[in-house]
Amino acid sequence: MTTPIFETRDAKVSILIPVLNGDQYLQETLDSVLDQQNVGEIVIVDNGSTDKTIEIITRYASANPKIKLIFCAERGVANALAYGLRFTANEFVARIDADDVMEPGRTARQIDQLLGDPNLGLVASQITYIDNRSEVIGVSRYPTGVLSLNRNFAFRNPIAHPSVMFRKSVIQLVGGYRSDFEGAEDLDLWIRVARKFHVFVDDLPMTRYRSHSSQISNTKNLYASELHLRFRILISKSGWLFRDLLFRLLQLARILDLASMNVSSLRRFRNVVKKRIRNRS
């Protein structure tokens, strides 16, 4: 992969933000984004909000033409991101969720990282965990440097989704966000990127990730989604290099591990498998 001629340190970044009833923290998120360098546009995808989210976005957009509000009728984060990505105008796209916060200088730092290696498909960072009062409660310990498919992706998701900046062309090349694995749509995408491009994780926390009771994330659903994803990888026929075969084999161990964590997830996983078998017969 060669670096396009428009990839310079003056390159503009599209910020992609999905939101569903995010009025409680959205203003803090937008303030942190507007404080970044090289921001060409802020694409906010509303996924059916019924609170004051639209009102807040409209007020911010009236003062800043960089903010673009679009509406996605199909529910789910994966659908919202896939839809929103179509409306981004720049090669570099940075992700943030509507309740998280970008640290100062994040976009400039990540642009430099992408420019430093033309084979990089995406970059991410450590995250600082904050609570509903924006107070720090911890810091992540994700693996750093250029990640390996088998070492880093076989048993966990080693990337914090809201900390990512990627090349849009890379995401499009590998098939983009898929709604098949809602809840694990990010892990699905990272694995496909890591098979073809370098993936890098910064050792500095460049995003503040908010942990609160009203998050969309549901642990049981995440277990079931990851089970579904890893089963699909296990039975796939694509990739015959040794590292791809080894990665598929490692999925079996992770499937058993996930199943032992949550019995209800195992039942849901079993139902998914049965449905796929019926559809094929």
Protein backbone atom coordinates (compact mmCIF):
# COMPACT_ATOMS: atom_id res chain seq x y z
CA MET A 1 0.00 0.00 0.00
CA THR A 2 1.48 3.35 -1.01
CA THR A 3 0.72 6.60 0.75
CA PRO A 4 -1.69 8.78 -1.29
CA ILE A 5 -0.32 12.19 -2.24
CA PHE A 6 -2.96 13.94 -0.12
CA GLU A 7 -1.73 12.28 3.08
CA THR A 8 0.23 15.11 4.65
CA ARG A 9 0.38 16.55 8.14
CA ASP A 10 -2.22 19.08 7.00
CA ALA A 11 -4.63 16.27 6.13
CA LYS A 12 -8.16 16.76 7.41
CA VAL A 13 -9.88 14.24 9.62
CA SER A 14 -13.52 13.16 9.69
CA ILE A 15 -14.80 12.49 13.21
CA LEU A 16 -17.48 9.77 13.25
CA ILE A 17 -19.90 9.72 16.22
CA PRO A 18 -22.93 7.42 16.53
CA VAL A 19 -25.47 8.49 19.15
CA LEU A 20 -28.68 7.22 20.71
CA ASN A 21 -30.16 9.32 23.53
CA GLY A 22 -26.80 10.83 24.44
CA ASP A 23 -27.85 14.22 25.79
CA GLN A 24 -26.26 13.68 29.20
CA TYR A 25 -22.64 13.66 28.01
CA LEU A 26 -22.75 14.78 24.37
CA GLN A 27 -21.74 18.39 25.00
CA GLU A 28 -18.53 17.34 26.74
CA THR A 29 -17.75 15.02 23.85
CA LEU A 30 -18.33 17.70 21.21
CA ASP A 31 -16.26 20.27 23.11
CA SER A 32 -13.32 17.85 23.19
CA VAL A 33 -13.66 17.15 19.45
CA LEU A 34 -13.89 20.81 18.49
CA ASP A 35 -10.66 21.39 20.40
CA GLN A 36 -8.75 18.99 18.12
CA GLN A 37 -6.47 19.90 15.22
CA ASN A 38 -7.04 19.02 11.56
CA VAL A 39 -10.77 18.37 11.99
CA GLY A 40 -12.46 18.77 8.62
CA GLU A 41 -15.89 17.58 9.67
CA ILE A 42 -17.80 15.96 12.50
CA VAL A 43 -20.31 13.41 11.23
CA ILE A 44 -22.89 12.56 13.90
CA VAL A 45 -25.21 9.65 13.18
CA ASP A 46 -28.42 9.69 15.20
CA ASN A 47 -29.88 6.24 15.68
CA GLY A 48 -33.35 7.18 16.91
CA SER A 49 -32.85 9.55 19.86
CA THR A 50 -35.93 10.68 21.79
CA ASP A 51 -34.23 12.91 24.37
CA LYS A 52 -32.56 16.30 23.80
CA THR A 53 -29.75 14.90 21.65
CA ILE A 54 -31.00 16.48 18.39
CA GLU A 55 -31.52 19.81 20.11
CA ILE A 56 -27.92 19.82 21.37
CA ILE A 57 -26.47 18.83 17.99
CA THR A 58 -28.55 21.46 16.19
CA ARG A 59 -27.36 24.17 18.56
CA TYR A 60 -23.71 23.20 18.08
CA ALA A 61 -24.13 22.90 14.29
CA SER A 62 -25.58 26.40 14.05
CA ALA A 63 -22.31 27.75 15.46
CA ASN A 64 -19.98 25.34 13.64
CA PRO A 65 -20.59 24.26 10.01
CA LYS A 66 -18.18 21.34 10.43
CA ILE A 67 -20.92 19.44 12.26
CA LYS A 68 -23.11 17.27 10.03
CA LEU A 69 -26.14 15.48 11.46
CA ILE A 70 -27.49 12.46 9.63
CA PHE A 71 -30.17 9.96 10.61
CA CYS A 72 -29.91 6.18 10.42
CA ALA A 73 -33.24 4.37 10.55
CA GLU A 74 -31.69 0.94 11.04
CA ARG A 75 -30.98 0.44 14.74
CA GLY A 76 -27.65 -0.74 16.08
CA VAL A 77 -24.16 0.72 16.37
CA ALA A 78 -22.81 -1.29 13.44
CA ASN A 79 -25.57 -0.03 11.13
CA ALA A 80 -25.07 3.55 12.30
CA LEU A 81 -21.31 3.40 11.73
CA ALA A 82 -21.60 1.74 8.32
CA TYR A 83 -24.14 4.35 7.27
CA GLY A 84 -22.21 7.29 8.69
CA LEU A 85 -18.94 6.21 7.09
CA ARG A 86 -20.56 6.69 3.67
CA PHE A 87 -20.95 10.39 4.44
CA THR A 88 -17.35 11.03 5.55
CA ALA A 89 -15.31 13.08 3.09
CA ASN A 90 -11.76 12.42 4.30
CA GLU A 91 -9.34 9.50 4.13
CA PHE A 92 -8.54 9.69 7.83
CA VAL A 93 -11.53 8.92 10.08
CA ALA A 94 -11.40 9.14 13.88
CA ARG A 95 -13.93 7.40 16.10
CA ILE A 96 -15.39 8.61 19.36
CA ASP A 97 -18.62 7.73 21.15
CA ALA A 98 -21.12 10.31 22.35
CA ASP A 99 -20.24 9.82 26.01
CA ASP A 100 -16.44 9.74 25.70
CA VAL A 101 -13.81 12.48 25.54
CA MET A 102 -10.84 13.10 23.24
CA GLU A 103 -7.64 14.14 24.97
CA PRO A 104 -6.00 17.32 23.60
CA GLY A 105 -3.74 16.61 20.62
CA ARG A 106 -5.18 13.18 19.87
CA THR A 107 -5.96 13.69 16.17
CA ALA A 108 -2.61 15.35 15.40
CA ARG A 109 -0.75 12.52 17.14
CA GLN A 110 -2.68 9.82 15.30
CA ILE A 111 -2.20 11.50 11.93
CA ASP A 112 1.56 11.44 12.54
CA GLN A 113 1.37 7.76 13.42
CA LEU A 114 -0.52 6.88 10.23
CA LEU A 115 1.85 8.94 8.12
CA GLY A 116 4.82 7.18 9.73
CA ASP A 117 3.87 3.80 8.27
CA PRO A 118 2.00 3.61 4.94
CA ASN A 119 1.06 -0.01 5.78
CA LEU A 120 -0.89 1.05 8.86
CA GLY A 121 -4.60 0.43 8.47
CA LEU A 122 -5.57 1.86 11.82
CA VAL A 123 -4.13 3.24 15.03
CA ALA A 124 -5.57 3.24 18.54
CA SER A 125 -4.44 4.12 22.05
CA GLN A 126 -4.76 3.35 25.70
CA ILE A 127 -7.82 4.85 27.37
CA THR A 128 -8.48 6.55 30.67
CA TYR A 129 -11.62 5.25 32.37
CA ILE A 130 -13.90 7.93 33.81
CA ASP A 131 -17.18 7.74 35.69
CA ASN A 132 -20.45 9.63 35.18
CA ARG A 133 -18.93 12.66 36.92
CA SER A 134 -15.89 12.63 34.57
CA GLU A 135 -13.59 11.57 37.40
CA VAL A 136 -10.73 9.20 36.56
CA ILE A 137 -11.21 5.64 37.81
CA GLY A 138 -8.44 3.80 35.95
CA VAL A 139 -6.24 3.39 32.86
CA SER A 140 -6.27 0.55 30.33
CA ARG A 141 -3.44 -1.88 29.68
CA TYR A 142 -3.95 -2.86 26.06
CA PRO A 143 -0.99 -4.41 24.23
CA THR A 144 1.07 -1.72 22.52
CA GLY A 145 3.00 -1.40 19.28
CA VAL A 146 2.15 -3.23 16.07
CA LEU A 147 -0.24 -6.03 16.96
CA SER A 148 -0.09 -9.65 15.79
CA LEU A 149 -3.17 -11.50 14.57
CA ASN A 150 -2.57 -14.73 16.52
CA ARG A 151 -0.96 -13.26 19.62
CA ASN A 152 -3.29 -10.29 20.20
CA PHE A 153 -6.65 -11.08 18.58
CA ALA A 154 -7.16 -14.76 19.34
CA PHE A 155 -8.50 -14.37 22.88
CA ARG A 156 -9.53 -10.76 23.35
CA ASN A 157 -10.38 -7.48 21.72
CA PRO A 158 -7.08 -5.58 22.08
CA ILE A 159 -8.39 -2.24 20.78
CA ALA A 160 -10.64 0.36 22.38
CA HIS A 161 -13.09 1.30 19.65
CA PRO A 162 -13.55 4.98 20.64
CA SER A 163 -9.76 5.51 20.54
CA VAL A 164 -9.33 4.52 16.88
CA MET A 165 -8.34 6.47 13.78
CA PHE A 166 -8.28 4.56 10.49
CA ARG A 167 -7.82 4.97 6.78
CA LYS A 168 -11.25 4.95 5.19
CA SER A 169 -9.93 3.19 2.09
CA VAL A 170 -8.66 0.31 4.26
CA ILE A 171 -12.00 -0.12 6.02
CA GLN A 172 -13.82 -0.12 2.69
CA LEU A 173 -11.35 -2.64 1.24
CA VAL A 174 -11.97 -5.19 4.02
CA GLY A 175 -15.76 -4.83 3.86
CA GLY A 176 -16.53 -2.17 6.48
CA TYR A 177 -18.69 -2.51 9.58
CA ARG A 178 -21.01 -5.53 9.54
CA SER A 179 -24.22 -5.77 11.56
CA ASP A 180 -23.99 -9.59 11.73
CA PHE A 181 -22.05 -9.29 14.97
CA GLU A 182 -23.72 -6.39 16.77
CA GLY A 183 -21.84 -5.91 20.01
CA ALA A 184 -18.64 -7.36 18.56
CA GLU A 185 -18.74 -5.40 15.30
CA ASP A 186 -15.46 -3.68 16.19
CA LEU A 187 -13.55 -6.92 16.89
CA ASP A 188 -14.87 -8.34 13.61
CA LEU A 189 -13.54 -5.31 11.74
CA TRP A 190 -10.17 -5.22 13.52
CA ILE A 191 -9.50 -8.88 12.70
CA ARG A 192 -10.20 -8.29 9.03
CA VAL A 193 -7.92 -5.24 9.00
CA ALA A 194 -5.13 -7.06 10.88
CA ARG A 195 -5.09 -9.81 8.26
CA LYS A 196 -4.04 -7.33 5.55
CA PHE A 197 -2.51 -4.27 7.26
CA HIS A 198 -0.54 -3.19 10.29
CA VAL A 199 -2.51 -2.27 13.40
CA PHE A 200 -0.83 -0.05 15.99
CA VAL A 201 -1.76 0.78 19.59
CA ASP A 202 -0.20 3.81 21.29
CA ASP A 203 1.05 3.47 24.86
CA LEU A 204 -0.45 6.84 25.85
CA PRO A 205 -4.13 7.24 26.80
CA MET A 206 -5.58 9.61 24.19
CA THR A 207 -9.28 9.02 24.92
CA ARG A 208 -11.35 9.12 28.06
CA TYR A 209 -13.82 6.24 28.12
CA ARG A 210 -16.87 6.75 30.28
CA SER A 211 -18.22 3.87 32.34
CA HIS A 212 -21.82 4.31 33.46
CA SER A 213 -25.03 2.35 33.98
CA SER A 214 -26.86 3.64 30.87
CA GLN A 215 -24.29 2.41 28.34
CA ILE A 216 -25.64 0.44 25.40
CA SER A 217 -23.05 -2.31 26.06
CA ASN A 218 -24.48 -5.47 27.60
CA THR A 219 -22.06 -8.13 28.80
CA LYS A 220 -24.31 -11.08 27.95
CA ASN A 221 -24.95 -9.77 24.44
CA LEU A 222 -21.22 -9.19 23.98
CA TYR A 223 -20.50 -12.80 24.93
CA ALA A 224 -23.09 -14.08 22.46
CA SER A 225 -21.90 -11.78 19.67
CA GLU A 226 -18.28 -12.77 20.14
CA LEU A 227 -19.26 -16.45 20.21
CA HIS A 228 -21.08 -16.00 16.92
CA LEU A 229 -18.12 -14.15 15.38
CA ARG A 230 -15.50 -16.64 16.47
CA PHE A 231 -17.59 -19.60 15.34
CA ARG A 232 -17.91 -18.00 11.90
CA ILE A 233 -14.13 -17.57 11.77
CA LEU A 234 -13.61 -21.18 12.88
CA ILE A 235 -15.73 -22.64 10.07
CA SER A 236 -14.64 -20.17 7.38
CA LYS A 237 -12.70 -21.45 4.40
CA SER A 238 -10.86 -18.22 3.65
CA GLY A 239 -7.15 -17.91 4.30
CA TRP A 240 -4.87 -20.90 3.87
CA LEU A 241 -1.62 -19.41 5.12
CA PHE A 242 -0.26 -21.01 8.30
CA ARG A 243 -1.08 -17.97 10.44
CA ASP A 244 -4.70 -18.00 9.19
CA LEU A 245 -5.11 -21.71 9.87
CA LEU A 246 -3.61 -21.29 13.34
CA PHE A 247 -5.92 -18.36 14.06
CA ARG A 248 -8.96 -20.43 13.07
CA LEU A 249 -7.81 -23.25 15.35
CA LEU A 250 -7.34 -20.85 18.26
CA GLN A 251 -10.98 -19.81 17.92
CA LEU A 252 -12.08 -23.17 19.33
CA ALA A 253 -10.30 -22.48 22.62
CA ARG A 254 -11.82 -19.02 22.83
CA ILE A 255 -15.30 -20.37 22.05
CA LEU A 256 -15.05 -22.84 24.92
CA ASP A 257 -13.76 -20.09 27.20
CA LEU A 258 -16.65 -17.76 26.32
CA ALA A 259 -19.22 -20.52 26.70
CA SER A 260 -17.97 -21.33 30.19
CA MET A 261 -18.40 -17.68 31.24
CA ASN A 262 -22.10 -17.50 30.55
CA VAL A 263 -24.58 -20.35 30.12
CA SER A 264 -27.30 -18.18 28.55
CA SER A 265 -24.80 -17.02 25.93
CA LEU A 266 -24.06 -20.67 25.15
CA ARG A 267 -27.77 -21.34 24.62
CA ARG A 268 -28.08 -18.33 22.33
CA PHE A 269 -24.96 -19.42 20.45
CA ARG A 270 -26.41 -22.92 20.05
CA ASN A 271 -29.63 -21.44 18.64
CA VAL A 272 -27.64 -19.38 16.12
CA VAL A 273 -25.83 -22.53 14.97
CA LYS A 274 -29.12 -24.44 14.65
CA LYS A 275 -30.67 -21.63 12.62
CA ARG A 276 -27.69 -21.56 10.25
CA ILE A 277 -27.92 -25.35 9.78
CA ARG A 278 -31.67 -25.11 9.02
CA ASN A 279 -31.09 -22.32 6.51
CA ARG A 280 -28.51 -24.39 4.68
CA SER A 281 -30.70 -27.50 4.51
